[in-house]
Amino acid sequence: MKLQRTDQALSDFARALDRYYSSWGTLISRSFVSGLFTALGATVGLALVLGLGGLILEQLGVLPVVGGFFGRINDVLNHTLSINK
């Protein structure tokens, strides 16, 4: 009895897979949407991790060193741009 249920479940699963992969349009559209959501999740996750890392570095006092470095680059660029005008 249990073997027949397993066979029926496998048969149903095989039919579902056949329906899923039989249409190229459906397969491409589902893969595209899946890729979009994967990329969106990775982007949001990276932004959260970098933001949290920035907050931690700011609390530790390490971030002002990085801010000073970029501030100096900004000063050099502004000086160079003012000379070229």
N, C-alpha and C. Protein backbone atom coordinates (compact mmCIF):
# COMPACT_ATOMS: atom_id res chain seq x y z
N MET A 1 0.82 -1.19 0.00
CA MET A 1 0.00 0.00 0.00
C MET A 1 0.87 1.26 0.00
N LYS A 2 1.86 1.28 0.90
CA LYS A 2 2.73 2.44 0.99
C LYS A 2 3.56 2.61 -0.28
N LEU A 3 3.95 1.50 -0.91
CA LEU A 3 4.73 1.54 -2.14
C LEU A 3 3.91 2.15 -3.27
N GLN A 4 2.62 1.86 -3.31
CA GLN A 4 1.77 2.44 -4.35
C GLN A 4 1.66 3.94 -4.18
N ARG A 5 1.56 4.41 -2.94
CA ARG A 5 1.50 5.86 -2.70
C ARG A 5 2.80 6.53 -3.13
N THR A 6 3.91 5.88 -2.86
CA THR A 6 5.21 6.43 -3.26
C THR A 6 5.31 6.49 -4.78
N ASP A 7 4.87 5.43 -5.44
CA ASP A 7 4.88 5.43 -6.90
C ASP A 7 3.98 6.52 -7.45
N GLN A 8 2.82 6.72 -6.86
CA GLN A 8 1.90 7.76 -7.30
C GLN A 8 2.51 9.15 -7.07
N ALA A 9 3.16 9.34 -5.94
CA ALA A 9 3.79 10.63 -5.64
C ALA A 9 4.91 10.91 -6.62
N LEU A 10 5.72 9.89 -6.93
CA LEU A 10 6.79 10.07 -7.91
C LEU A 10 6.24 10.37 -9.29
N SER A 11 5.15 9.71 -9.64
CA SER A 11 4.51 9.95 -10.93
C SER A 11 3.96 11.38 -11.00
N ASP A 12 3.34 11.84 -9.94
CA ASP A 12 2.83 13.21 -9.89
C ASP A 12 3.97 14.22 -9.98
N PHE A 13 5.05 13.91 -9.30
CA PHE A 13 6.22 14.80 -9.33
C PHE A 13 6.82 14.86 -10.73
N ALA A 14 6.90 13.72 -11.39
CA ALA A 14 7.44 13.67 -12.76
C ALA A 14 6.56 14.47 -13.71
N ARG A 15 5.25 14.38 -13.55
CA ARG A 15 4.34 15.16 -14.40
C ARG A 15 4.49 16.65 -14.15
N ALA A 16 4.65 17.02 -12.88
CA ALA A 16 4.83 18.44 -12.55
C ALA A 16 6.13 18.98 -13.15
N LEU A 17 7.18 18.19 -13.08
CA LEU A 17 8.44 18.61 -13.70
C LEU A 17 8.31 18.73 -15.21
N ASP A 18 7.60 17.81 -15.81
CA ASP A 18 7.39 17.85 -17.25
C ASP A 18 6.63 19.11 -17.66
N ARG A 19 5.59 19.45 -16.89
CA ARG A 19 4.84 20.69 -17.18
C ARG A 19 5.72 21.92 -17.00
N TYR A 20 6.56 21.91 -15.97
CA TYR A 20 7.40 23.07 -15.67
C TYR A 20 8.44 23.29 -16.77
N TYR A 21 9.06 22.22 -17.23
CA TYR A 21 10.13 22.36 -18.20
C TYR A 21 9.68 22.23 -19.65
N SER A 22 8.42 21.98 -19.90
CA SER A 22 7.96 21.79 -21.27
C SER A 22 7.81 23.12 -22.01
N SER A 23 7.57 24.19 -21.31
CA SER A 23 7.37 25.49 -21.95
C SER A 23 8.61 26.36 -21.76
N TRP A 24 9.27 26.70 -22.87
CA TRP A 24 10.46 27.54 -22.78
C TRP A 24 10.13 28.93 -22.25
N GLY A 25 9.01 29.46 -22.65
CA GLY A 25 8.62 30.79 -22.19
C GLY A 25 8.45 30.84 -20.68
N THR A 26 7.79 29.84 -20.14
CA THR A 26 7.60 29.77 -18.69
C THR A 26 8.93 29.61 -17.98
N LEU A 27 9.77 28.74 -18.50
CA LEU A 27 11.07 28.50 -17.88
C LEU A 27 11.94 29.76 -17.89
N ILE A 28 11.96 30.44 -19.02
CA ILE A 28 12.77 31.66 -19.13
C ILE A 28 12.23 32.75 -18.22
N SER A 29 10.91 32.94 -18.21
CA SER A 29 10.34 34.00 -17.38
C SER A 29 10.55 33.72 -15.89
N ARG A 30 10.38 32.47 -15.47
CA ARG A 30 10.60 32.15 -14.06
C ARG A 30 12.07 32.31 -13.68
N SER A 31 12.96 31.90 -14.57
CA SER A 31 14.39 32.05 -14.29
C SER A 31 14.77 33.53 -14.23
N PHE A 32 14.20 34.34 -15.09
CA PHE A 32 14.48 35.77 -15.10
C PHE A 32 14.02 36.42 -13.80
N VAL A 33 12.81 36.13 -13.39
CA VAL A 33 12.28 36.70 -12.15
C VAL A 33 13.08 36.20 -10.95
N SER A 34 13.45 34.93 -10.97
CA SER A 34 14.27 34.38 -9.89
C SER A 34 15.62 35.10 -9.83
N GLY A 35 16.22 35.35 -10.97
CA GLY A 35 17.50 36.08 -11.01
C GLY A 35 17.36 37.50 -10.50
N LEU A 36 16.26 38.16 -10.84
CA LEU A 36 16.04 39.52 -10.35
C LEU A 36 15.95 39.56 -8.83
N PHE A 37 15.18 38.64 -8.27
CA PHE A 37 15.03 38.63 -6.82
C PHE A 37 16.30 38.20 -6.11
N THR A 38 17.08 37.33 -6.73
CA THR A 38 18.37 36.95 -6.15
C THR A 38 19.31 38.16 -6.12
N ALA A 39 19.36 38.90 -7.22
CA ALA A 39 20.22 40.09 -7.28
C ALA A 39 19.74 41.15 -6.30
N LEU A 40 18.43 41.33 -6.20
CA LEU A 40 17.89 42.31 -5.26
C LEU A 40 18.22 41.93 -3.82
N GLY A 41 18.08 40.66 -3.50
CA GLY A 41 18.41 40.20 -2.15
C GLY A 41 19.89 40.37 -1.83
N ALA A 42 20.75 40.08 -2.80
CA ALA A 42 22.19 40.24 -2.59
C ALA A 42 22.54 41.71 -2.40
N THR A 43 21.90 42.59 -3.17
CA THR A 43 22.18 44.02 -3.07
C THR A 43 21.74 44.58 -1.72
N VAL A 44 20.54 44.23 -1.31
CA VAL A 44 20.03 44.70 -0.01
C VAL A 44 20.87 44.12 1.13
N GLY A 45 21.23 42.85 1.03
CA GLY A 45 22.06 42.23 2.06
C GLY A 45 23.43 42.89 2.16
N LEU A 46 24.05 43.17 1.03
CA LEU A 46 25.34 43.84 1.03
C LEU A 46 25.23 45.24 1.61
N ALA A 47 24.19 45.97 1.26
CA ALA A 47 24.00 47.32 1.80
C ALA A 47 23.84 47.28 3.32
N LEU A 48 23.10 46.30 3.82
CA LEU A 48 22.92 46.19 5.26
C LEU A 48 24.23 45.84 5.97
N VAL A 49 24.98 44.91 5.40
CA VAL A 49 26.26 44.52 6.01
C VAL A 49 27.25 45.68 5.99
N LEU A 50 27.35 46.38 4.86
CA LEU A 50 28.27 47.53 4.78
C LEU A 50 27.83 48.67 5.70
N GLY A 51 26.53 48.91 5.77
CA GLY A 51 26.03 49.95 6.67
C GLY A 51 26.31 49.62 8.12
N LEU A 52 26.07 48.38 8.50
CA LEU A 52 26.35 47.95 9.87
C LEU A 52 27.84 48.02 10.16
N GLY A 53 28.65 47.60 9.19
CA GLY A 53 30.10 47.69 9.36
C GLY A 53 30.55 49.13 9.51
N GLY A 54 29.96 50.03 8.73
CA GLY A 54 30.29 51.45 8.85
C GLY A 54 29.92 52.02 10.21
N LEU A 55 28.76 51.63 10.71
CA LEU A 55 28.36 52.09 12.05
C LEU A 55 29.31 51.59 13.13
N ILE A 56 29.71 50.33 13.01
CA ILE A 56 30.64 49.77 13.99
C ILE A 56 31.98 50.48 13.92
N LEU A 57 32.49 50.71 12.70
CA LEU A 57 33.78 51.41 12.55
C LEU A 57 33.69 52.84 13.06
N GLU A 58 32.54 53.48 12.85
CA GLU A 58 32.37 54.84 13.34
C GLU A 58 32.39 54.86 14.87
N GLN A 59 31.73 53.88 15.49
CA GLN A 59 31.72 53.82 16.96
C GLN A 59 33.11 53.52 17.52
N LEU A 60 33.91 52.76 16.77
CA LEU A 60 35.27 52.45 17.22
C LEU A 60 36.25 53.59 16.96
N GLY A 61 35.85 54.56 16.18
CA GLY A 61 36.71 55.70 15.89
C GLY A 61 37.64 55.47 14.72
N VAL A 62 37.45 54.44 13.95
CA VAL A 62 38.32 54.14 12.81
C VAL A 62 37.87 54.91 11.58
N LEU A 63 36.60 55.16 11.45
CA LEU A 63 36.04 55.78 10.26
C LEU A 63 36.52 57.20 10.01
N PRO A 64 36.78 58.04 11.03
CA PRO A 64 37.28 59.37 10.71
C PRO A 64 38.59 59.36 9.94
N VAL A 65 39.43 58.33 10.11
CA VAL A 65 40.66 58.23 9.33
C VAL A 65 40.32 58.06 7.86
N VAL A 66 39.36 57.21 7.57
CA VAL A 66 38.92 57.01 6.20
C VAL A 66 38.27 58.28 5.66
N GLY A 67 37.47 58.95 6.49
CA GLY A 67 36.84 60.20 6.07
C GLY A 67 37.87 61.28 5.77
N GLY A 68 38.93 61.35 6.56
CA GLY A 68 40.01 62.31 6.31
C GLY A 68 40.72 62.03 5.00
N PHE A 69 40.90 60.76 4.68
CA PHE A 69 41.55 60.37 3.43
C PHE A 69 40.73 60.84 2.24
N PHE A 70 39.43 60.58 2.27
CA PHE A 70 38.57 61.01 1.15
C PHE A 70 38.42 62.53 1.14
N GLY A 71 38.46 63.17 2.29
CA GLY A 71 38.42 64.63 2.34
C GLY A 71 39.64 65.23 1.66
N ARG A 72 40.80 64.63 1.86
CA ARG A 72 42.03 65.12 1.22
C ARG A 72 41.95 64.93 -0.30
N ILE A 73 41.42 63.81 -0.74
CA ILE A 73 41.24 63.59 -2.18
C ILE A 73 40.30 64.65 -2.76
N ASN A 74 39.24 64.97 -2.03
CA ASN A 74 38.29 66.00 -2.46
C ASN A 74 38.99 67.35 -2.56
N ASP A 75 39.84 67.69 -1.61
CA ASP A 75 40.58 68.96 -1.65
C ASP A 75 41.49 69.03 -2.88
N VAL A 76 42.18 67.94 -3.16
CA VAL A 76 43.09 67.90 -4.32
C VAL A 76 42.28 68.06 -5.61
N LEU A 77 41.16 67.37 -5.71
CA LEU A 77 40.33 67.49 -6.92
C LEU A 77 39.78 68.89 -7.08
N ASN A 78 39.32 69.48 -6.01
CA ASN A 78 38.79 70.86 -6.10
C ASN A 78 39.88 71.83 -6.49
N HIS A 79 41.09 71.67 -5.96
CA HIS A 79 42.20 72.54 -6.31
C HIS A 79 42.55 72.37 -7.80
N THR A 80 42.58 71.13 -8.27
CA THR A 80 42.91 70.85 -9.66
C THR A 80 41.84 71.42 -10.59
N LEU A 81 40.59 71.28 -10.23
CA LEU A 81 39.52 71.81 -11.05
C LEU A 81 39.52 73.33 -11.09
N SER A 82 39.89 73.97 -9.97
CA SER A 82 39.93 75.44 -9.96
C SER A 82 41.08 75.96 -10.81
N ILE A 83 42.17 75.22 -10.92
CA ILE A 83 43.29 75.64 -11.76
C ILE A 83 42.92 75.55 -13.22
N ASN A 84 42.16 74.55 -13.60
CA ASN A 84 41.80 74.32 -15.01
C ASN A 84 40.73 75.29 -15.50
N LYS A 85 40.11 76.06 -14.65
CA LYS A 85 39.05 76.96 -15.10
C LYS A 85 39.60 78.20 -15.65
